[in-house]
Amino acid sequence: MKKNKIILIGTNNKGKFKELSYLLPKRLKKISPSKLKIKSPKESGKSFLANSKIKANYFSKISKITSISDDSGLCVNCLKGKPGVLSARWAKKYGGFRKAMKKIIFLVKKVNKNKKNKNYKAKFVCSLTFKEPNKNSVSTTGVVYGKIATKILGTKGFGFDSIFIPKKYKISFGQMNKKKKINIDHRFLAYRKLKRKVKIL
């Protein structure tokens, strides 16, 4: 991949696009699928890794441009890992992320009701795949551990950020300074691993 080359950030999620744009080198020109009028593919994988590969391969093939795609979500221990890979679909099902966050809080409280040892543990998972046309893809996964808040906290993030409190912190991702959050979250951890494997990053 030559210097000053274009990279397609394979997502139509504005929050993810902003975070990945921030993480990627400034010398790379970043474009979104919407600019090229490319719709997202069906996420038929059963894991974050599988879905990130599906998206990166698809966007790279359609656009003939080097692509990087993310698949990420919230996994709640007491809900048997849900919503997991269905995180975005949960938001759609319940009428948006705010309603979906309220639903998760409700379910977590319900499961933990009358239990002596309450389990609010959760994790955010992100798999990233880098794909250059006619080359093999490279993938990594980042995980950040924490817990589910008992109410929606903050408005600075996106997705399920406002109900996730990362380990060693007392505030949610939704309450954090954006740069602080971007530099410790699951997407950053996956990207840091990817940088070690892909020189141009």
N, C-alpha and C. Protein backbone atom coordinates (compact mmCIF):
# COMPACT_ATOMS: atom_id res chain seq x y z
N MET A 1 0.85 -1.20 0.00
CA MET A 1 0.00 0.00 0.00
C MET A 1 0.89 1.25 0.00
N LYS A 2 0.69 2.09 -0.99
CA LYS A 2 1.53 3.29 -1.14
C LYS A 2 1.16 4.36 -0.12
N LYS A 3 2.10 5.27 0.11
CA LYS A 3 1.85 6.38 1.01
C LYS A 3 0.75 7.27 0.44
N ASN A 4 0.05 7.95 1.34
CA ASN A 4 -1.04 8.87 0.96
C ASN A 4 -2.17 8.17 0.22
N LYS A 5 -2.31 6.89 0.40
CA LYS A 5 -3.37 6.16 -0.28
C LYS A 5 -4.70 6.31 0.45
N ILE A 6 -5.76 6.05 -0.29
CA ILE A 6 -7.11 6.10 0.26
C ILE A 6 -7.38 4.81 1.03
N ILE A 7 -8.10 4.92 2.12
CA ILE A 7 -8.57 3.74 2.84
C ILE A 7 -10.07 3.88 3.07
N LEU A 8 -10.79 2.83 2.74
CA LEU A 8 -12.24 2.82 2.95
C LEU A 8 -12.51 2.27 4.34
N ILE A 9 -13.14 3.07 5.18
CA ILE A 9 -13.54 2.59 6.50
C ILE A 9 -14.91 1.93 6.34
N GLY A 10 -14.88 0.61 6.34
CA GLY A 10 -16.08 -0.16 5.97
C GLY A 10 -17.16 -0.21 7.02
N THR A 11 -17.82 0.92 7.22
CA THR A 11 -18.96 0.99 8.13
C THR A 11 -19.87 2.14 7.74
N ASN A 12 -21.16 1.95 7.93
CA ASN A 12 -22.11 3.04 7.74
C ASN A 12 -22.60 3.58 9.08
N ASN A 13 -21.88 3.20 10.15
CA ASN A 13 -22.15 3.70 11.49
C ASN A 13 -21.24 4.92 11.71
N LYS A 14 -21.85 6.09 11.89
CA LYS A 14 -21.08 7.34 12.00
C LYS A 14 -20.14 7.36 13.20
N GLY A 15 -20.58 6.78 14.32
CA GLY A 15 -19.75 6.72 15.52
C GLY A 15 -18.49 5.90 15.29
N LYS A 16 -18.65 4.73 14.67
CA LYS A 16 -17.51 3.88 14.38
C LYS A 16 -16.58 4.54 13.37
N PHE A 17 -17.17 5.19 12.37
CA PHE A 17 -16.37 5.87 11.35
C PHE A 17 -15.48 6.95 11.99
N LYS A 18 -16.03 7.71 12.91
CA LYS A 18 -15.27 8.77 13.59
C LYS A 18 -14.13 8.20 14.42
N GLU A 19 -14.41 7.12 15.17
CA GLU A 19 -13.38 6.52 16.01
C GLU A 19 -12.24 5.94 15.18
N LEU A 20 -12.58 5.22 14.12
CA LEU A 20 -11.54 4.62 13.28
C LEU A 20 -10.76 5.69 12.52
N SER A 21 -11.42 6.76 12.12
CA SER A 21 -10.75 7.89 11.45
C SER A 21 -9.71 8.49 12.38
N TYR A 22 -10.07 8.61 13.66
CA TYR A 22 -9.17 9.17 14.67
C TYR A 22 -7.95 8.27 14.87
N LEU A 23 -8.17 6.96 14.87
CA LEU A 23 -7.09 6.01 15.12
C LEU A 23 -6.14 5.85 13.93
N LEU A 24 -6.68 5.94 12.72
CA LEU A 24 -5.86 5.74 11.52
C LEU A 24 -4.91 6.91 11.28
N PRO A 25 -3.76 6.65 10.63
CA PRO A 25 -2.79 7.72 10.37
C PRO A 25 -3.38 8.87 9.56
N LYS A 26 -2.94 10.08 9.86
CA LYS A 26 -3.46 11.27 9.18
C LYS A 26 -3.13 11.29 7.70
N ARG A 27 -2.03 10.61 7.34
CA ARG A 27 -1.60 10.63 5.93
C ARG A 27 -2.55 9.85 5.02
N LEU A 28 -3.40 9.01 5.61
CA LEU A 28 -4.34 8.23 4.81
C LEU A 28 -5.64 9.00 4.62
N LYS A 29 -6.11 9.05 3.39
CA LYS A 29 -7.40 9.70 3.12
C LYS A 29 -8.50 8.69 3.42
N LYS A 30 -9.40 9.07 4.35
CA LYS A 30 -10.45 8.15 4.77
C LYS A 30 -11.77 8.46 4.05
N ILE A 31 -12.39 7.42 3.53
CA ILE A 31 -13.71 7.61 2.92
C ILE A 31 -14.68 6.56 3.48
N SER A 32 -15.95 6.89 3.40
CA SER A 32 -16.98 5.99 3.92
C SER A 32 -17.73 5.31 2.77
N PRO A 33 -18.34 4.16 3.02
CA PRO A 33 -19.13 3.49 1.98
C PRO A 33 -20.26 4.38 1.45
N SER A 34 -20.84 5.19 2.35
CA SER A 34 -21.95 6.06 1.93
C SER A 34 -21.52 7.05 0.85
N LYS A 35 -20.25 7.49 0.91
CA LYS A 35 -19.74 8.42 -0.11
C LYS A 35 -19.70 7.76 -1.48
N LEU A 36 -19.48 6.45 -1.47
CA LEU A 36 -19.45 5.68 -2.73
C LEU A 36 -20.80 5.01 -3.01
N LYS A 37 -21.77 5.32 -2.16
CA LYS A 37 -23.13 4.76 -2.28
C LYS A 37 -23.12 3.23 -2.23
N ILE A 38 -22.33 2.70 -1.29
CA ILE A 38 -22.25 1.26 -1.09
C ILE A 38 -22.96 0.92 0.23
N LYS A 39 -23.95 0.06 0.15
CA LYS A 39 -24.67 -0.37 1.35
C LYS A 39 -23.89 -1.46 2.06
N SER A 40 -24.12 -1.60 3.35
CA SER A 40 -23.43 -2.63 4.13
C SER A 40 -23.94 -4.02 3.78
N PRO A 41 -23.07 -5.02 3.82
CA PRO A 41 -23.50 -6.39 3.51
C PRO A 41 -24.26 -7.00 4.68
N LYS A 42 -24.90 -8.11 4.44
CA LYS A 42 -25.59 -8.83 5.51
C LYS A 42 -24.55 -9.46 6.43
N GLU A 43 -24.70 -9.23 7.73
CA GLU A 43 -23.75 -9.77 8.71
C GLU A 43 -24.23 -11.15 9.15
N SER A 44 -23.83 -12.15 8.39
CA SER A 44 -24.32 -13.52 8.62
C SER A 44 -23.39 -14.35 9.50
N GLY A 45 -22.27 -13.77 9.93
CA GLY A 45 -21.32 -14.50 10.77
C GLY A 45 -21.83 -14.72 12.18
N LYS A 46 -21.30 -15.74 12.84
CA LYS A 46 -21.72 -16.05 14.21
C LYS A 46 -20.76 -15.48 15.25
N SER A 47 -19.75 -14.75 14.79
CA SER A 47 -18.79 -14.13 15.70
C SER A 47 -18.42 -12.74 15.19
N PHE A 48 -17.85 -11.93 16.07
CA PHE A 48 -17.39 -10.60 15.66
C PHE A 48 -16.33 -10.72 14.58
N LEU A 49 -15.44 -11.68 14.74
CA LEU A 49 -14.35 -11.88 13.78
C LEU A 49 -14.90 -12.23 12.40
N ALA A 50 -15.84 -13.15 12.36
CA ALA A 50 -16.43 -13.56 11.08
C ALA A 50 -17.11 -12.38 10.39
N ASN A 51 -17.85 -11.58 11.15
CA ASN A 51 -18.55 -10.44 10.56
C ASN A 51 -17.61 -9.35 10.08
N SER A 52 -16.52 -9.12 10.81
CA SER A 52 -15.56 -8.10 10.38
C SER A 52 -14.90 -8.52 9.07
N LYS A 53 -14.65 -9.82 8.92
CA LYS A 53 -14.07 -10.34 7.68
C LYS A 53 -15.05 -10.22 6.51
N ILE A 54 -16.30 -10.53 6.78
CA ILE A 54 -17.34 -10.42 5.75
C ILE A 54 -17.39 -8.99 5.22
N LYS A 55 -17.39 -8.02 6.14
CA LYS A 55 -17.50 -6.61 5.75
C LYS A 55 -16.26 -6.11 5.01
N ALA A 56 -15.08 -6.42 5.55
CA ALA A 56 -13.84 -5.94 4.92
C ALA A 56 -13.67 -6.53 3.52
N ASN A 57 -13.92 -7.82 3.39
CA ASN A 57 -13.80 -8.48 2.08
C ASN A 57 -14.81 -7.91 1.08
N TYR A 58 -16.02 -7.68 1.56
CA TYR A 58 -17.08 -7.15 0.71
C TYR A 58 -16.75 -5.73 0.23
N PHE A 59 -16.42 -4.85 1.16
CA PHE A 59 -16.15 -3.46 0.79
C PHE A 59 -14.92 -3.33 -0.11
N SER A 60 -13.89 -4.14 0.16
CA SER A 60 -12.69 -4.10 -0.66
C SER A 60 -12.96 -4.60 -2.08
N LYS A 61 -13.77 -5.65 -2.17
CA LYS A 61 -14.11 -6.23 -3.47
C LYS A 61 -14.96 -5.28 -4.30
N ILE A 62 -15.97 -4.69 -3.67
CA ILE A 62 -16.89 -3.79 -4.39
C ILE A 62 -16.19 -2.49 -4.81
N SER A 63 -15.40 -1.92 -3.90
CA SER A 63 -14.78 -0.61 -4.16
C SER A 63 -13.42 -0.69 -4.84
N LYS A 64 -12.79 -1.89 -4.74
CA LYS A 64 -11.41 -2.08 -5.23
C LYS A 64 -10.44 -1.15 -4.50
N ILE A 65 -10.79 -0.82 -3.25
CA ILE A 65 -9.99 0.06 -2.40
C ILE A 65 -9.63 -0.71 -1.12
N THR A 66 -8.43 -0.44 -0.59
CA THR A 66 -8.04 -1.04 0.68
C THR A 66 -9.08 -0.66 1.74
N SER A 67 -9.54 -1.64 2.50
CA SER A 67 -10.63 -1.42 3.46
C SER A 67 -10.28 -1.92 4.86
N ILE A 68 -10.88 -1.27 5.82
CA ILE A 68 -10.79 -1.74 7.21
C ILE A 68 -12.20 -1.76 7.78
N SER A 69 -12.59 -2.89 8.35
CA SER A 69 -13.95 -3.02 8.87
C SER A 69 -13.95 -3.53 10.30
N ASP A 70 -14.92 -3.03 11.04
CA ASP A 70 -15.07 -3.36 12.45
C ASP A 70 -16.37 -4.12 12.67
N ASP A 71 -16.34 -5.09 13.55
CA ASP A 71 -17.60 -5.63 14.07
C ASP A 71 -17.43 -5.67 15.58
N SER A 72 -18.37 -5.09 16.26
CA SER A 72 -18.21 -4.98 17.71
C SER A 72 -19.56 -5.03 18.40
N GLY A 73 -19.50 -5.25 19.71
CA GLY A 73 -20.74 -5.30 20.46
C GLY A 73 -20.52 -5.51 21.95
N LEU A 74 -21.61 -5.44 22.67
CA LEU A 74 -21.62 -5.58 24.12
C LEU A 74 -22.06 -6.99 24.51
N CYS A 75 -21.28 -7.63 25.37
CA CYS A 75 -21.62 -8.97 25.85
C CYS A 75 -21.81 -8.92 27.37
N VAL A 76 -22.99 -9.27 27.83
CA VAL A 76 -23.31 -9.19 29.25
C VAL A 76 -23.32 -10.60 29.86
N ASN A 77 -22.51 -10.80 30.88
CA ASN A 77 -22.34 -12.14 31.46
C ASN A 77 -23.63 -12.81 31.88
N CYS A 78 -24.44 -12.10 32.69
CA CYS A 78 -25.65 -12.72 33.24
C CYS A 78 -26.75 -12.91 32.18
N LEU A 79 -26.55 -12.32 30.99
CA LEU A 79 -27.49 -12.52 29.88
C LEU A 79 -26.93 -13.52 28.87
N LYS A 80 -25.99 -14.33 29.35
CA LYS A 80 -25.35 -15.38 28.54
C LYS A 80 -24.66 -14.81 27.30
N GLY A 81 -24.03 -13.64 27.48
CA GLY A 81 -23.26 -13.03 26.39
C GLY A 81 -24.05 -12.15 25.44
N LYS A 82 -25.36 -12.04 25.69
CA LYS A 82 -26.17 -11.18 24.83
C LYS A 82 -25.98 -9.71 25.20
N PRO A 83 -26.24 -8.77 24.30
CA PRO A 83 -26.66 -8.95 22.91
C PRO A 83 -25.57 -9.44 21.96
N GLY A 84 -24.29 -9.33 22.32
CA GLY A 84 -23.22 -9.89 21.51
C GLY A 84 -23.20 -9.42 20.08
N VAL A 85 -23.08 -10.38 19.15
CA VAL A 85 -23.02 -10.01 17.72
C VAL A 85 -24.34 -9.42 17.23
N LEU A 86 -25.37 -9.53 18.04
CA LEU A 86 -26.68 -8.98 17.66
C LEU A 86 -26.91 -7.58 18.25
N SER A 87 -25.86 -6.94 18.74
CA SER A 87 -25.98 -5.65 19.41
C SER A 87 -26.75 -4.61 18.60
N ALA A 88 -26.35 -4.41 17.34
CA ALA A 88 -27.03 -3.42 16.49
C ALA A 88 -28.47 -3.84 16.21
N ARG A 89 -28.69 -5.15 16.07
CA ARG A 89 -30.04 -5.65 15.80
C ARG A 89 -30.95 -5.51 17.02
N TRP A 90 -30.37 -5.58 18.21
CA TRP A 90 -31.15 -5.33 19.43
C TRP A 90 -31.65 -3.89 19.43
N ALA A 91 -30.75 -2.97 19.05
CA ALA A 91 -31.14 -1.56 19.01
C ALA A 91 -32.29 -1.35 18.03
N LYS A 92 -32.21 -2.01 16.90
CA LYS A 92 -33.27 -1.90 15.89
C LYS A 92 -34.57 -2.52 16.40
N LYS A 93 -34.43 -3.65 17.04
CA LYS A 93 -35.60 -4.39 17.57
C LYS A 93 -36.37 -3.58 18.62
N TYR A 94 -35.62 -2.89 19.50
CA TYR A 94 -36.26 -2.16 20.59
C TYR A 94 -36.48 -0.67 20.30
N GLY A 95 -36.20 -0.27 19.06
CA GLY A 95 -36.51 1.12 18.67
C GLY A 95 -35.42 2.13 18.97
N GLY A 96 -34.16 1.70 18.86
CA GLY A 96 -33.04 2.61 19.08
C GLY A 96 -32.19 2.18 20.28
N PHE A 97 -30.97 2.72 20.33
CA PHE A 97 -30.04 2.32 21.39
C PHE A 97 -30.50 2.73 22.79
N ARG A 98 -31.14 3.86 22.91
CA ARG A 98 -31.58 4.29 24.25
C ARG A 98 -32.58 3.30 24.83
N LYS A 99 -33.54 2.90 24.03
CA LYS A 99 -34.54 1.92 24.50
C LYS A 99 -33.90 0.55 24.74
N ALA A 100 -32.93 0.21 23.88
CA ALA A 100 -32.23 -1.07 24.05
C ALA A 100 -31.39 -1.07 25.33
N MET A 101 -30.79 0.09 25.66
CA MET A 101 -30.02 0.20 26.92
C MET A 101 -30.93 0.01 28.12
N LYS A 102 -32.11 0.62 28.07
CA LYS A 102 -33.08 0.48 29.16
C LYS A 102 -33.50 -0.98 29.31
N LYS A 103 -33.65 -1.66 28.17
CA LYS A 103 -34.04 -3.08 28.17
C LYS A 103 -32.94 -3.93 28.82
N ILE A 104 -31.68 -3.65 28.49
CA ILE A 104 -30.57 -4.40 29.07
C ILE A 104 -30.51 -4.20 30.59
N ILE A 105 -30.64 -2.93 31.02
CA ILE A 105 -30.63 -2.64 32.47
C ILE A 105 -31.76 -3.40 33.17
N PHE A 106 -32.94 -3.38 32.56
CA PHE A 106 -34.10 -4.08 33.11
C PHE A 106 -33.83 -5.59 33.24
N LEU A 107 -33.29 -6.18 32.17
CA LEU A 107 -33.03 -7.63 32.18
C LEU A 107 -31.94 -8.00 33.19
N VAL A 108 -30.89 -7.18 33.28
CA VAL A 108 -29.81 -7.45 34.23
C VAL A 108 -30.32 -7.38 35.67
N LYS A 109 -31.15 -6.38 35.97
CA LYS A 109 -31.72 -6.25 37.31
C LYS A 109 -32.66 -7.42 37.62
N LYS A 110 -33.41 -7.83 36.61
CA LYS A 110 -34.35 -8.94 36.77
C LYS A 110 -33.62 -10.25 37.08
N VAL A 111 -32.56 -10.53 36.34
CA VAL A 111 -31.78 -11.75 36.54
C VAL A 111 -31.11 -11.76 37.92
N ASN A 112 -30.68 -10.57 38.35
CA ASN A 112 -29.95 -10.47 39.63
C ASN A 112 -30.85 -10.29 40.86
N LYS A 113 -32.14 -10.13 40.63
CA LYS A 113 -33.07 -9.90 41.74
C LYS A 113 -33.05 -11.06 42.73
N ASN A 114 -32.97 -10.72 43.99
CA ASN A 114 -32.94 -11.69 45.10
C ASN A 114 -31.68 -12.57 45.15
N LYS A 115 -30.69 -12.25 44.31
CA LYS A 115 -29.44 -13.01 44.35
C LYS A 115 -28.45 -12.33 45.29
N LYS A 116 -27.80 -13.15 46.09
CA LYS A 116 -26.82 -12.60 47.04
C LYS A 116 -25.60 -12.05 46.31
N ASN A 117 -25.08 -12.86 45.38
CA ASN A 117 -23.93 -12.43 44.58
C ASN A 117 -24.40 -11.94 43.21
N LYS A 118 -24.59 -10.65 43.11
CA LYS A 118 -25.10 -10.06 41.87
C LYS A 118 -23.98 -9.99 40.82
N ASN A 119 -24.36 -10.25 39.57
CA ASN A 119 -23.40 -10.27 38.48
C ASN A 119 -23.75 -9.21 37.43
N TYR A 120 -22.99 -8.13 37.45
CA TYR A 120 -23.20 -7.05 36.49
C TYR A 120 -22.06 -7.01 35.46
N LYS A 121 -21.22 -8.03 35.46
CA LYS A 121 -20.05 -8.04 34.58
C LYS A 121 -20.43 -8.05 33.10
N ALA A 122 -19.61 -7.33 32.32
CA ALA A 122 -19.83 -7.25 30.88
C ALA A 122 -18.51 -6.97 30.18
N LYS A 123 -18.52 -7.09 28.88
CA LYS A 123 -17.34 -6.73 28.10
C LYS A 123 -17.76 -6.19 26.74
N PHE A 124 -16.93 -5.30 26.21
CA PHE A 124 -17.10 -4.81 24.85
C PHE A 124 -16.05 -5.52 24.00
N VAL A 125 -16.45 -6.08 22.88
CA VAL A 125 -15.55 -6.79 21.99
C VAL A 125 -15.52 -6.12 20.62
N CYS A 126 -14.34 -6.00 20.04
CA CYS A 126 -14.21 -5.46 18.69
C CYS A 126 -13.25 -6.32 17.89
N SER A 127 -13.70 -6.74 16.71
CA SER A 127 -12.80 -7.40 15.76
C SER A 127 -12.61 -6.46 14.58
N LEU A 128 -11.36 -6.29 14.19
CA LEU A 128 -11.02 -5.44 13.05
C LEU A 128 -10.38 -6.29 11.96
N THR A 129 -10.76 -6.02 10.72
CA THR A 129 -10.14 -6.71 9.58
C THR A 129 -9.66 -5.70 8.56
N PHE A 130 -8.39 -5.85 8.16
CA PHE A 130 -7.77 -5.00 7.15
C PHE A 130 -7.65 -5.81 5.87
N LYS A 131 -8.10 -5.25 4.76
CA LYS A 131 -8.09 -6.02 3.49
C LYS A 131 -7.66 -5.14 2.32
N GLU A 132 -6.54 -5.52 1.73
CA GLU A 132 -6.10 -4.89 0.48
C GLU A 132 -6.59 -5.74 -0.68
N PRO A 133 -7.01 -5.11 -1.79
CA PRO A 133 -7.48 -5.89 -2.94
C PRO A 133 -6.43 -6.92 -3.38
N ASN A 134 -6.89 -8.11 -3.66
CA ASN A 134 -6.05 -9.22 -4.14
C ASN A 134 -4.99 -9.69 -3.14
N LYS A 135 -5.20 -9.37 -1.87
CA LYS A 135 -4.30 -9.86 -0.81
C LYS A 135 -5.11 -10.48 0.32
N ASN A 136 -4.44 -11.29 1.13
CA ASN A 136 -5.13 -11.90 2.26
C ASN A 136 -5.48 -10.85 3.31
N SER A 137 -6.59 -11.07 3.98
CA SER A 137 -7.01 -10.13 5.03
C SER A 137 -6.22 -10.39 6.31
N VAL A 138 -6.16 -9.36 7.16
CA VAL A 138 -5.49 -9.46 8.46
C VAL A 138 -6.49 -9.02 9.52
N SER A 139 -6.66 -9.84 10.56
CA SER A 139 -7.67 -9.54 11.58
C SER A 139 -7.10 -9.58 13.00
N THR A 140 -7.70 -8.78 13.87
CA THR A 140 -7.35 -8.79 15.30
C THR A 140 -8.63 -8.54 16.12
N THR A 141 -8.54 -8.86 17.40
CA THR A 141 -9.69 -8.64 18.29
C THR A 141 -9.24 -7.96 19.58
N GLY A 142 -10.01 -6.98 20.03
CA GLY A 142 -9.75 -6.29 21.28
C GLY A 142 -10.93 -6.44 22.23
N VAL A 143 -10.64 -6.62 23.50
CA VAL A 143 -11.70 -6.79 24.50
C VAL A 143 -11.44 -5.86 25.68
N VAL A 144 -12.47 -5.13 26.10
CA VAL A 144 -12.36 -4.31 27.31
C VAL A 144 -13.43 -4.79 28.30
N TYR A 145 -13.01 -5.04 29.55
CA TYR A 145 -13.91 -5.59 30.55
C TYR A 145 -14.46 -4.49 31.46
N GLY A 146 -15.64 -4.75 31.99
CA GLY A 146 -16.26 -3.78 32.88
C GLY A 146 -17.56 -4.30 33.44
N LYS A 147 -18.50 -3.39 33.67
CA LYS A 147 -19.80 -3.80 34.21
C LYS A 147 -20.91 -2.93 33.65
N ILE A 148 -22.14 -3.40 33.82
CA ILE A 148 -23.31 -2.68 33.37
C ILE A 148 -23.75 -1.70 34.47
N ALA A 149 -24.00 -0.46 34.08
CA ALA A 149 -24.48 0.55 35.03
C ALA A 149 -25.95 0.28 35.37
N THR A 150 -26.40 0.80 36.49
CA THR A 150 -27.79 0.59 36.91
C THR A 150 -28.74 1.62 36.28
N LYS A 151 -28.15 2.59 35.56
CA LYS A 151 -28.95 3.57 34.81
C LYS A 151 -28.10 4.12 33.67
N ILE A 152 -28.73 4.78 32.72
CA ILE A 152 -28.02 5.37 31.59
C ILE A 152 -27.20 6.56 32.09
N LEU A 153 -25.90 6.54 31.77
CA LEU A 153 -24.98 7.57 32.26
C LEU A 153 -24.24 8.25 31.11
N GLY A 154 -24.50 9.54 30.90
CA GLY A 154 -23.77 10.31 29.91
C GLY A 154 -24.33 10.25 28.50
N THR A 155 -23.91 11.22 27.71
CA THR A 155 -24.41 11.32 26.32
C THR A 155 -23.28 11.51 25.32
N LYS A 156 -22.04 11.30 25.76
CA LYS A 156 -20.90 11.59 24.88
C LYS A 156 -20.56 10.46 23.90
N GLY A 157 -20.96 9.26 24.21
CA GLY A 157 -20.60 8.13 23.35
C GLY A 157 -21.65 7.83 22.30
N PHE A 158 -21.66 6.58 21.86
CA PHE A 158 -22.69 6.11 20.93
C PHE A 158 -22.94 4.64 21.23
N GLY A 159 -23.97 4.09 20.62
CA GLY A 159 -24.29 2.69 20.87
C GLY A 159 -24.64 2.45 22.33
N PHE A 160 -24.01 1.45 22.94
CA PHE A 160 -24.27 1.09 24.34
C PHE A 160 -23.28 1.72 25.33
N ASP A 161 -22.54 2.73 24.88
CA ASP A 161 -21.50 3.35 25.72
C ASP A 161 -22.01 3.84 27.08
N SER A 162 -23.22 4.35 27.11
CA SER A 162 -23.73 4.99 28.34
C SER A 162 -24.14 4.03 29.45
N ILE A 163 -24.10 2.72 29.18
CA ILE A 163 -24.40 1.77 30.27
C ILE A 163 -23.20 0.89 30.60
N PHE A 164 -22.05 1.19 30.00
CA PHE A 164 -20.86 0.37 30.24
C PHE A 164 -19.81 1.15 31.01
N ILE A 165 -19.47 0.63 32.20
CA ILE A 165 -18.42 1.23 33.03
C ILE A 165 -17.19 0.32 32.95
N PRO A 166 -16.11 0.79 32.31
CA PRO A 166 -14.92 -0.05 32.19
C PRO A 166 -14.22 -0.29 33.52
N LYS A 167 -13.53 -1.40 33.61
CA LYS A 167 -12.79 -1.78 34.82
C LYS A 167 -11.81 -0.67 35.22
N LYS A 168 -11.71 -0.44 36.52
CA LYS A 168 -10.83 0.59 37.11
C LYS A 168 -11.36 2.02 36.94
N TYR A 169 -12.57 2.15 36.40
CA TYR A 169 -13.18 3.48 36.26
C TYR A 169 -14.51 3.54 36.99
N LYS A 170 -14.92 4.74 37.34
CA LYS A 170 -16.20 4.93 38.03
C LYS A 170 -17.24 5.60 37.15
N ILE A 171 -16.84 5.92 35.92
CA ILE A 171 -17.77 6.55 34.98
C ILE A 171 -17.92 5.67 33.74
N SER A 172 -19.02 5.89 33.01
CA SER A 172 -19.29 5.10 31.81
C SER A 172 -18.54 5.67 30.61
N PHE A 173 -18.49 4.89 29.54
CA PHE A 173 -17.92 5.39 28.29
C PHE A 173 -18.68 6.63 27.81
N GLY A 174 -19.96 6.67 28.12
CA GLY A 174 -20.80 7.80 27.71
C GLY A 174 -20.54 9.08 28.48
N GLN A 175 -19.83 8.97 29.60
CA GLN A 175 -19.47 10.14 30.40
C GLN A 175 -18.04 10.61 30.15
N MET A 176 -17.26 9.77 29.48
CA MET A 176 -15.85 10.07 29.28
C MET A 176 -15.59 11.11 28.20
N ASN A 177 -14.48 11.82 28.38
CA ASN A 177 -13.95 12.66 27.32
C ASN A 177 -13.73 11.75 26.10
N LYS A 178 -14.13 12.21 24.92
CA LYS A 178 -14.09 11.36 23.73
C LYS A 178 -12.70 10.80 23.43
N LYS A 179 -11.67 11.64 23.55
CA LYS A 179 -10.31 11.17 23.26
C LYS A 179 -9.86 10.13 24.28
N LYS A 180 -10.25 10.34 25.53
CA LYS A 180 -9.92 9.39 26.59
C LYS A 180 -10.55 8.03 26.29
N LYS A 181 -11.81 8.07 25.93
CA LYS A 181 -12.55 6.84 25.64
C LYS A 181 -11.96 6.11 24.43
N ILE A 182 -11.68 6.84 23.37
CA ILE A 182 -11.14 6.24 22.15
C ILE A 182 -9.79 5.58 22.41
N ASN A 183 -9.03 6.13 23.35
CA ASN A 183 -7.69 5.61 23.62
C ASN A 183 -7.63 4.46 24.63
N ILE A 184 -8.79 4.00 25.10
CA ILE A 184 -8.78 2.84 26.01
C ILE A 184 -9.80 1.77 25.63
N ASP A 185 -10.63 2.04 24.63
CA ASP A 185 -11.74 1.11 24.37
C ASP A 185 -11.33 -0.10 23.52
N HIS A 186 -12.29 -0.97 23.27
CA HIS A 186 -12.09 -2.23 22.55
C HIS A 186 -11.60 -2.01 21.12
N ARG A 187 -12.06 -0.94 20.49
CA ARG A 187 -11.65 -0.63 19.12
C ARG A 187 -10.16 -0.25 19.08
N PHE A 188 -9.74 0.53 20.07
CA PHE A 188 -8.34 0.91 20.18
C PHE A 188 -7.46 -0.32 20.42
N LEU A 189 -7.90 -1.21 21.30
CA LEU A 189 -7.12 -2.40 21.62
C LEU A 189 -6.96 -3.30 20.40
N ALA A 190 -8.02 -3.43 19.60
CA ALA A 190 -7.94 -4.23 18.37
C ALA A 190 -7.03 -3.54 17.35
N TYR A 191 -7.15 -2.20 17.28
CA TYR A 191 -6.33 -1.44 16.32
C TYR A 191 -4.84 -1.50 16.68
N ARG A 192 -4.55 -1.43 17.96
CA ARG A 192 -3.16 -1.48 18.42
C ARG A 192 -2.51 -2.81 18.00
N LYS A 193 -3.25 -3.90 18.09
CA LYS A 193 -2.75 -5.21 17.64
C LYS A 193 -2.57 -5.24 16.13
N LEU A 194 -3.53 -4.61 15.42
CA LEU A 194 -3.48 -4.60 13.95
C LEU A 194 -2.28 -3.82 13.44
N LYS A 195 -1.95 -2.74 14.14
CA LYS A 195 -0.79 -1.91 13.75
C LYS A 195 0.51 -2.72 13.75
N ARG A 196 0.59 -3.67 14.67
CA ARG A 196 1.79 -4.51 14.75
C ARG A 196 1.90 -5.47 13.56
N LYS A 197 0.77 -5.77 12.95
CA LYS A 197 0.74 -6.72 11.83
C LYS A 197 0.76 -6.03 10.46
N VAL A 198 0.25 -4.80 10.41
CA VAL A 198 0.16 -4.08 9.13
C VAL A 198 0.99 -2.80 9.21
N LYS A 199 2.09 -2.77 8.49
CA LYS A 199 3.07 -1.69 8.61
C LYS A 199 2.52 -0.29 8.29
N ILE A 200 1.64 -0.19 7.31
CA ILE A 200 1.18 1.17 6.91
C ILE A 200 0.24 1.80 7.93
N LEU A 201 -0.22 1.03 8.89
CA LEU A 201 -1.09 1.58 9.92
C LEU A 201 -0.26 2.19 11.05
